[in-house]
Structure formats: C-alpha cells, structure tokens
C-alpha cells in the first residue's frame, strides 16, 4: 500500500463530492475524474484489520470476482493515510444502476423476469463460493450491458468452494431484511429464492 500524503488527499477532496461520511469523517468520495475513493478507519489497534486492512480485502475480493467473471469495481491503487489512520482504495466504479434504484424509479419493469435472473445470479454466487454478508439491493448493479454485478465488496469472502446450506440461507436473509427494498415487489417473488437454501 502506498502512503497517501495529506496534500494529495486534500487536493482530491477539493473537487470531490462526498457520497458517504459519518462522525469520524469521509467514507466515500466521488473524485472529479469520475473515480472513487473509499476510506476505512481502524476501529481498534487490536483489530484484525491492523494485519489485513479492509482496503486490501476490497482489492482481493475485486480480483477474485473478476476471475469468476462477475462485474465489480476495478481497483487502481491502495493507499495508507495517517493522522488519523485510514486504509484507502482508489477505484473505477462499476457502471450501471442498483436494483434499489431500479425498483424505486421504474414501475414498468417485469419483476418476474428480473427476479428470476437475480435468483440465477445469486445461485451462481453461492455455487462459486461468494459469501457476501452485506448482500442487498443497494449492492447489486444492473450494468449497461444487462449483467448483474456487485459493489461495496469489502464485507465479502470468496471461499473457492460451493457455500453450505446455512451460508446460503444467511446470505438470503441479508437480501430480504430491508423492507423498503421489497415494499413494491410482488410477495410471490420471494419463492424464487427458496431453492438457493437447499
């Protein structure tokens, strides 16, 4: 990981749009050139993130997904920022629209067709060993070439083997727990995902 100077970070921030922040500071920046910076703080000096920073995990997951042929962000560079410490990933975003945006803005989509394809995609993830503990409609992208992809991929493990039934069930529980995402979805659609836990 390269050292990111405060001067370079300040220059990036000067023309950036802050997409996400909390009481500790910026978390996601949309830079003037269209690329993104994602910053991760270290919650504790005894945390395992001291040895395996989330930015590195993000990059490793992106590499694993690309090898599986699953669209995802493309990492440009990893950085280390000090005072306060942050691990930082600089990346090209995955183009497209999240399923959350699609469902909230388009009342004319064929839900049965969309969710049948989504169920197939999730089955592929499970069969490929992708365990995504933050799987939800805001992290699934429909790309311009009509493929499903994933973003916000730091909270993920690529196990290299098909997921167990309990892991598949847990993934799907995360997908279905956001009530607002499912408010305008036909209740019968949920049956499309039952086979993923078998």
C-alpha atoms as a PDB file:
ATOM      1  CA  UNK A   1       0.000   0.000   0.000  1.00  0.00           C
ATOM      2  CA  UNK A   2       1.338   3.417  -0.924  1.00  0.00           C
ATOM      3  CA  UNK A   3       1.456   6.305   1.520  1.00  0.00           C
ATOM      4  CA  UNK A   4      -1.182   8.910   0.665  1.00  0.00           C
ATOM      5  CA  UNK A   5       0.043  12.339   1.641  1.00  0.00           C
ATOM      6  CA  UNK A   6      -2.293  14.808   3.302  1.00  0.00           C
ATOM      7  CA  UNK A   7      -1.530  17.251   0.480  1.00  0.00           C
ATOM      8  CA  UNK A   8      -2.626  14.839  -2.251  1.00  0.00           C
ATOM      9  CA  UNK A   9      -5.701  13.828  -0.283  1.00  0.00           C
ATOM     10  CA  UNK A  10      -6.638  17.484   0.246  1.00  0.00           C
ATOM     11  CA  UNK A  11      -6.222  18.159  -3.480  1.00  0.00           C
ATOM     12  CA  UNK A  12      -8.546  15.259  -4.296  1.00  0.00           C
ATOM     13  CA  UNK A  13     -11.086  16.436  -1.725  1.00  0.00           C
ATOM     14  CA  UNK A  14     -11.125  19.993  -3.083  1.00  0.00           C
ATOM     15  CA  UNK A  15     -13.067  18.956  -6.187  1.00  0.00           C
ATOM     16  CA  UNK A  16     -14.703  15.777  -4.862  1.00  0.00           C
ATOM     17  CA  UNK A  17     -18.292  15.013  -3.966  1.00  0.00           C
ATOM     18  CA  UNK A  18     -18.687  13.366  -0.559  1.00  0.00           C
ATOM     19  CA  UNK A  19     -21.069  10.448  -1.049  1.00  0.00           C
ATOM     20  CA  UNK A  20     -20.855   8.988   2.432  1.00  0.00           C
ATOM     21  CA  UNK A  21     -19.497  10.184   5.774  1.00  0.00           C
ATOM     22  CA  UNK A  22     -20.004   9.639   9.477  1.00  0.00           C
ATOM     23  CA  UNK A  23     -18.868  11.342  12.681  1.00  0.00           C
ATOM     24  CA  UNK A  24     -15.321  10.133  12.026  1.00  0.00           C
ATOM     25  CA  UNK A  25     -15.083  11.775   8.605  1.00  0.00           C
ATOM     26  CA  UNK A  26     -15.416  10.963   4.918  1.00  0.00           C
ATOM     27  CA  UNK A  27     -16.044   7.368   3.875  1.00  0.00           C
ATOM     28  CA  UNK A  28     -16.682   7.544   0.116  1.00  0.00           C
ATOM     29  CA  UNK A  29     -15.595  10.307  -2.273  1.00  0.00           C
ATOM     30  CA  UNK A  30     -16.526  10.742  -5.931  1.00  0.00           C
ATOM     31  CA  UNK A  31     -13.478  12.399  -7.456  1.00  0.00           C
ATOM     32  CA  UNK A  32     -13.502  14.955 -10.265  1.00  0.00           C
ATOM     33  CA  UNK A  33     -12.156  12.408 -12.789  1.00  0.00           C
ATOM     34  CA  UNK A  34     -15.061  10.027 -12.124  1.00  0.00           C
ATOM     35  CA  UNK A  35     -13.113   7.593  -9.959  1.00  0.00           C
ATOM     36  CA  UNK A  36     -13.888   6.851  -6.310  1.00  0.00           C
ATOM     37  CA  UNK A  37     -12.003   6.801  -3.020  1.00  0.00           C
ATOM     38  CA  UNK A  38     -13.263   4.574  -0.221  1.00  0.00           C
ATOM     39  CA  UNK A  39     -11.744   5.103   3.229  1.00  0.00           C
ATOM     40  CA  UNK A  40     -11.744   2.598   6.080  1.00  0.00           C
ATOM     41  CA  UNK A  41     -10.888   3.510   9.659  1.00  0.00           C
ATOM     42  CA  UNK A  42      -9.274   1.139  12.131  1.00  0.00           C
ATOM     43  CA  UNK A  43     -11.794   0.602  14.904  1.00  0.00           C
ATOM     44  CA  UNK A  44      -9.231  -0.811  17.333  1.00  0.00           C
ATOM     45  CA  UNK A  45      -5.461  -1.257  17.392  1.00  0.00           C
ATOM     46  CA  UNK A  46      -6.086  -4.888  18.351  1.00  0.00           C
ATOM     47  CA  UNK A  47      -8.428  -5.407  15.408  1.00  0.00           C
ATOM     48  CA  UNK A  48      -7.545  -7.931  12.712  1.00  0.00           C
ATOM     49  CA  UNK A  49      -7.798  -5.014  10.264  1.00  0.00           C
ATOM     50  CA  UNK A  50      -4.360  -3.985  11.516  1.00  0.00           C
ATOM     51  CA  UNK A  51      -2.963  -7.033   9.694  1.00  0.00           C
ATOM     52  CA  UNK A  52      -5.454  -7.246   6.816  1.00  0.00           C
ATOM     53  CA  UNK A  53      -6.769  -3.745   6.049  1.00  0.00           C
ATOM     54  CA  UNK A  54     -10.299  -3.510   4.581  1.00  0.00           C
ATOM     55  CA  UNK A  55      -8.929  -1.695   1.522  1.00  0.00           C
ATOM     56  CA  UNK A  56      -6.725  -4.735   0.790  1.00  0.00           C
ATOM     57  CA  UNK A  57      -9.690  -7.038   1.345  1.00  0.00           C
ATOM     58  CA  UNK A  58     -11.712  -4.922  -1.104  1.00  0.00           C
ATOM     59  CA  UNK A  59      -8.958  -5.276  -3.716  1.00  0.00           C
ATOM     60  CA  UNK A  60      -8.580  -9.026  -3.151  1.00  0.00           C
ATOM     61  CA  UNK A  61     -12.344  -9.503  -3.486  1.00  0.00           C
ATOM     62  CA  UNK A  62     -12.398  -7.465  -6.691  1.00  0.00           C
ATOM     63  CA  UNK A  63      -9.645  -9.666  -8.115  1.00  0.00           C
ATOM     64  CA  UNK A  64     -11.497 -12.849  -7.109  1.00  0.00           C
ATOM     65  CA  UNK A  65     -14.783 -11.652  -8.618  1.00  0.00           C
ATOM     66  CA  UNK A  66     -13.087 -10.650 -11.858  1.00  0.00           C
ATOM     67  CA  UNK A  67     -11.600 -14.140 -12.129  1.00  0.00           C
ATOM     68  CA  UNK A  68     -15.128 -15.533 -11.733  1.00  0.00           C
ATOM     69  CA  UNK A  69     -16.377 -13.223 -14.484  1.00  0.00           C
ATOM     70  CA  UNK A  70     -18.582 -11.215 -12.119  1.00  0.00           C
ATOM     71  CA  UNK A  71     -18.666  -7.442 -12.812  1.00  0.00           C
ATOM     72  CA  UNK A  72     -17.329  -5.319  -9.949  1.00  0.00           C
ATOM     73  CA  UNK A  73     -15.275  -2.160  -9.339  1.00  0.00           C
ATOM     74  CA  UNK A  74     -11.752  -2.042 -10.807  1.00  0.00           C
ATOM     75  CA  UNK A  75      -9.060  -1.135  -8.311  1.00  0.00           C
ATOM     76  CA  UNK A  76      -6.492   1.485  -9.329  1.00  0.00           C
ATOM     77  CA  UNK A  77      -4.340   1.733  -6.191  1.00  0.00           C
ATOM     78  CA  UNK A  78      -4.305   1.070  -2.456  1.00  0.00           C
ATOM     79  CA  UNK A  79      -3.152   3.751  -0.025  1.00  0.00           C
ATOM     80  CA  UNK A  80      -2.427   4.295   3.637  1.00  0.00           C
ATOM     81  CA  UNK A  81      -3.428   7.640   5.137  1.00  0.00           C
ATOM     82  CA  UNK A  82      -2.212   8.715   8.573  1.00  0.00           C
ATOM     83  CA  UNK A  83      -3.412  11.101  11.274  1.00  0.00           C
ATOM     84  CA  UNK A  84      -5.988   9.688  11.538  1.00  0.00           C
ATOM     85  CA  UNK A  85      -5.154   6.318  10.054  1.00  0.00           C
ATOM     86  CA  UNK A  86      -7.226   5.123   7.096  1.00  0.00           C
ATOM     87  CA  UNK A  87      -6.750   2.347   4.591  1.00  0.00           C
ATOM     88  CA  UNK A  88      -7.880   3.688   1.235  1.00  0.00           C
ATOM     89  CA  UNK A  89      -8.877   2.107  -2.061  1.00  0.00           C
ATOM     90  CA  UNK A  90      -8.954   4.154  -5.270  1.00  0.00           C
ATOM     91  CA  UNK A  91     -11.101   2.539  -7.929  1.00  0.00           C
ATOM     92  CA  UNK A  92     -13.147   2.840 -11.089  1.00  0.00           C
ATOM     93  CA  UNK A  93     -16.823   2.394 -10.155  1.00  0.00           C
ATOM     94  CA  UNK A  94     -18.982  -0.269 -11.752  1.00  0.00           C
ATOM     95  CA  UNK A  95     -21.275   1.459 -14.222  1.00  0.00           C
ATOM     96  CA  UNK A  96     -24.985   0.826 -14.038  1.00  0.00           C
ATOM     97  CA  UNK A  97     -27.923   1.231 -11.698  1.00  0.00           C
ATOM     98  CA  UNK A  98     -28.518  -0.501  -8.375  1.00  0.00           C
ATOM     99  CA  UNK A  99     -31.555  -2.741  -8.087  1.00  0.00           C
ATOM    100  CA  UNK A 100     -32.724  -0.437  -5.298  1.00  0.00           C
ATOM    101  CA  UNK A 101     -32.746   2.493  -7.729  1.00  0.00           C
ATOM    102  CA  UNK A 102     -34.325   0.418 -10.467  1.00  0.00           C
ATOM    103  CA  UNK A 103     -37.187  -0.801  -8.282  1.00  0.00           C
ATOM    104  CA  UNK A 104     -37.894   2.631  -6.818  1.00  0.00           C
ATOM    105  CA  UNK A 105     -37.806   4.543 -10.115  1.00  0.00           C
ATOM    106  CA  UNK A 106     -39.271   2.185 -12.706  1.00  0.00           C
ATOM    107  CA  UNK A 107     -42.816   0.954 -12.261  1.00  0.00           C
ATOM    108  CA  UNK A 108     -42.877  -0.774 -15.638  1.00  0.00           C
ATOM    109  CA  UNK A 109     -40.187  -3.398 -15.162  1.00  0.00           C
ATOM    110  CA  UNK A 110     -41.049  -7.054 -15.493  1.00  0.00           C
ATOM    111  CA  UNK A 111     -40.445  -8.086 -11.882  1.00  0.00           C
ATOM    112  CA  UNK A 112     -40.828 -11.804 -12.506  1.00  0.00           C
ATOM    113  CA  UNK A 113     -38.207 -11.757 -15.240  1.00  0.00           C
ATOM    114  CA  UNK A 114     -35.851  -9.517 -13.243  1.00  0.00           C
ATOM    115  CA  UNK A 115     -36.012 -11.562 -10.058  1.00  0.00           C
ATOM    116  CA  UNK A 116     -35.797 -14.887 -11.887  1.00  0.00           C
ATOM    117  CA  UNK A 117     -32.498 -13.652 -13.323  1.00  0.00           C
ATOM    118  CA  UNK A 118     -31.432 -12.374  -9.906  1.00  0.00           C
ATOM    119  CA  UNK A 119     -32.138 -15.778  -8.358  1.00  0.00           C
ATOM    120  CA  UNK A 120     -29.934 -17.389 -11.005  1.00  0.00           C
ATOM    121  CA  UNK A 121     -27.189 -14.844 -10.314  1.00  0.00           C
ATOM    122  CA  UNK A 122     -27.285 -15.474  -6.572  1.00  0.00           C
ATOM    123  CA  UNK A 123     -27.188 -19.217  -7.154  1.00  0.00           C
ATOM    124  CA  UNK A 124     -24.086 -18.655  -9.261  1.00  0.00           C
ATOM    125  CA  UNK A 125     -22.520 -16.641  -6.424  1.00  0.00           C
ATOM    126  CA  UNK A 126     -23.310 -19.402  -3.938  1.00  0.00           C
ATOM    127  CA  UNK A 127     -22.032 -22.165  -6.218  1.00  0.00           C
ATOM    128  CA  UNK A 128     -18.834 -20.140  -6.784  1.00  0.00           C
ATOM    129  CA  UNK A 129     -18.251 -19.716  -3.039  1.00  0.00           C
ATOM    130  CA  UNK A 130     -19.054 -15.996  -2.764  1.00  0.00           C
ATOM    131  CA  UNK A 131     -20.240 -15.283   0.773  1.00  0.00           C
ATOM    132  CA  UNK A 132     -21.474 -11.684   0.825  1.00  0.00           C
ATOM    133  CA  UNK A 133     -22.670 -10.705   4.283  1.00  0.00           C
ATOM    134  CA  UNK A 134     -23.914  -7.312   3.062  1.00  0.00           C
ATOM    135  CA  UNK A 135     -25.891  -8.582   0.088  1.00  0.00           C
ATOM    136  CA  UNK A 136     -28.821  -6.244  -0.592  1.00  0.00           C
ATOM    137  CA  UNK A 137     -30.484  -4.347  -3.455  1.00  0.00           C
ATOM    138  CA  UNK A 138     -28.167  -1.375  -2.977  1.00  0.00           C
ATOM    139  CA  UNK A 139     -25.068  -3.530  -3.604  1.00  0.00           C
ATOM    140  CA  UNK A 140     -26.304  -5.305  -6.730  1.00  0.00           C
ATOM    141  CA  UNK A 141     -25.827  -3.439 -10.017  1.00  0.00           C
ATOM    142  CA  UNK A 142     -27.526  -3.943 -13.364  1.00  0.00           C
ATOM    143  CA  UNK A 143     -24.824  -2.901 -15.825  1.00  0.00           C
ATOM    144  CA  UNK A 144     -25.351  -1.152 -19.183  1.00  0.00           C
ATOM    145  CA  UNK A 145     -24.750  -4.489 -20.931  1.00  0.00           C
ATOM    146  CA  UNK A 146     -27.584  -6.043 -18.869  1.00  0.00           C
ATOM    147  CA  UNK A 147     -25.487  -8.085 -16.444  1.00  0.00           C
ATOM    148  CA  UNK A 148     -25.624  -8.271 -12.671  1.00  0.00           C
ATOM    149  CA  UNK A 149     -22.580  -7.101 -10.739  1.00  0.00           C
ATOM    150  CA  UNK A 150     -21.560  -6.299  -7.162  1.00  0.00           C
ATOM    151  CA  UNK A 151     -20.286  -3.191  -5.378  1.00  0.00           C
ATOM    152  CA  UNK A 152     -19.267  -2.337  -1.792  1.00  0.00           C
ATOM    153  CA  UNK A 153     -17.381  -5.613  -1.721  1.00  0.00           C
ATOM    154  CA  UNK A 154     -15.120  -5.248   1.323  1.00  0.00           C
ATOM    155  CA  UNK A 155     -17.532  -7.256   3.511  1.00  0.00           C
ATOM    156  CA  UNK A 156     -17.237 -10.428   1.451  1.00  0.00           C
ATOM    157  CA  UNK A 157     -15.393 -13.720   1.364  1.00  0.00           C
ATOM    158  CA  UNK A 158     -14.610 -15.770  -1.723  1.00  0.00           C
ATOM    159  CA  UNK A 159     -14.175 -19.277  -0.355  1.00  0.00           C
ATOM    160  CA  UNK A 160     -13.338 -21.172  -3.536  1.00  0.00           C
ATOM    161  CA  UNK A 161     -15.977 -23.813  -2.866  1.00  0.00           C
ATOM    162  CA  UNK A 162     -19.749 -24.041  -3.008  1.00  0.00           C
ATOM    163  CA  UNK A 163     -21.448 -22.484   0.014  1.00  0.00           C
ATOM    164  CA  UNK A 164     -23.124 -24.632   2.635  1.00  0.00           C
ATOM    165  CA  UNK A 165     -26.880 -24.540   3.074  1.00  0.00           C
ATOM    166  CA  UNK A 166     -26.579 -22.397   6.222  1.00  0.00           C
ATOM    167  CA  UNK A 167     -24.355 -19.848   4.455  1.00  0.00           C
ATOM    168  CA  UNK A 168     -26.773 -19.630   1.522  1.00  0.00           C
ATOM    169  CA  UNK A 169     -29.622 -19.068   3.938  1.00  0.00           C
ATOM    170  CA  UNK A 170     -27.711 -16.336   5.764  1.00  0.00           C
ATOM    171  CA  UNK A 171     -26.891 -14.543   2.507  1.00  0.00           C
ATOM    172  CA  UNK A 172     -30.560 -14.557   1.537  1.00  0.00           C
ATOM    173  CA  UNK A 173     -31.619 -13.321   4.965  1.00  0.00           C
ATOM    174  CA  UNK A 174     -29.484 -10.236   4.388  1.00  0.00           C
ATOM    175  CA  UNK A 175     -31.019  -9.760   0.954  1.00  0.00           C
ATOM    176  CA  UNK A 176     -34.583  -9.855   2.263  1.00  0.00           C
ATOM    177  CA  UNK A 177     -34.239  -7.964   5.533  1.00  0.00           C
ATOM    178  CA  UNK A 178     -34.530  -4.459   4.041  1.00  0.00           C
ATOM    179  CA  UNK A 179     -38.278  -3.914   3.983  1.00  0.00           C
ATOM    180  CA  UNK A 180     -38.163  -0.755   1.867  1.00  0.00           C
ATOM    181  CA  UNK A 181     -36.439  -2.675  -0.940  1.00  0.00           C
ATOM    182  CA  UNK A 182     -39.302  -5.175  -1.072  1.00  0.00           C
ATOM    183  CA  UNK A 183     -42.214  -2.798  -0.468  1.00  0.00           C
ATOM    184  CA  UNK A 184     -43.164  -2.655  -4.159  1.00  0.00           C
ATOM    185  CA  UNK A 185     -42.259  -6.231  -5.016  1.00  0.00           C
ATOM    186  CA  UNK A 186     -44.888  -8.909  -5.569  1.00  0.00           C
ATOM    187  CA  UNK A 187     -44.833 -11.111  -2.402  1.00  0.00           C
ATOM    188  CA  UNK A 188     -44.836 -14.263  -4.546  1.00  0.00           C
ATOM    189  CA  UNK A 189     -41.451 -13.253  -5.979  1.00  0.00           C
ATOM    190  CA  UNK A 190     -39.779 -14.450  -2.788  1.00  0.00           C
ATOM    191  CA  UNK A 191     -40.462 -18.061  -3.688  1.00  0.00           C
ATOM    192  CA  UNK A 192     -37.889 -17.750  -6.487  1.00  0.00           C
ATOM    193  CA  UNK A 193     -35.133 -17.712  -3.867  1.00  0.00           C
ATOM    194  CA  UNK A 194     -36.190 -20.722  -1.795  1.00  0.00           C
ATOM    195  CA  UNK A 195     -34.148 -23.202  -3.831  1.00  0.00           C
ATOM    196  CA  UNK A 196     -30.984 -21.245  -3.032  1.00  0.00           C
ATOM    197  CA  UNK A 197     -31.034 -22.603   0.526  1.00  0.00           C
ATOM    198  CA  UNK A 198     -31.419 -26.252  -0.391  1.00  0.00           C
END
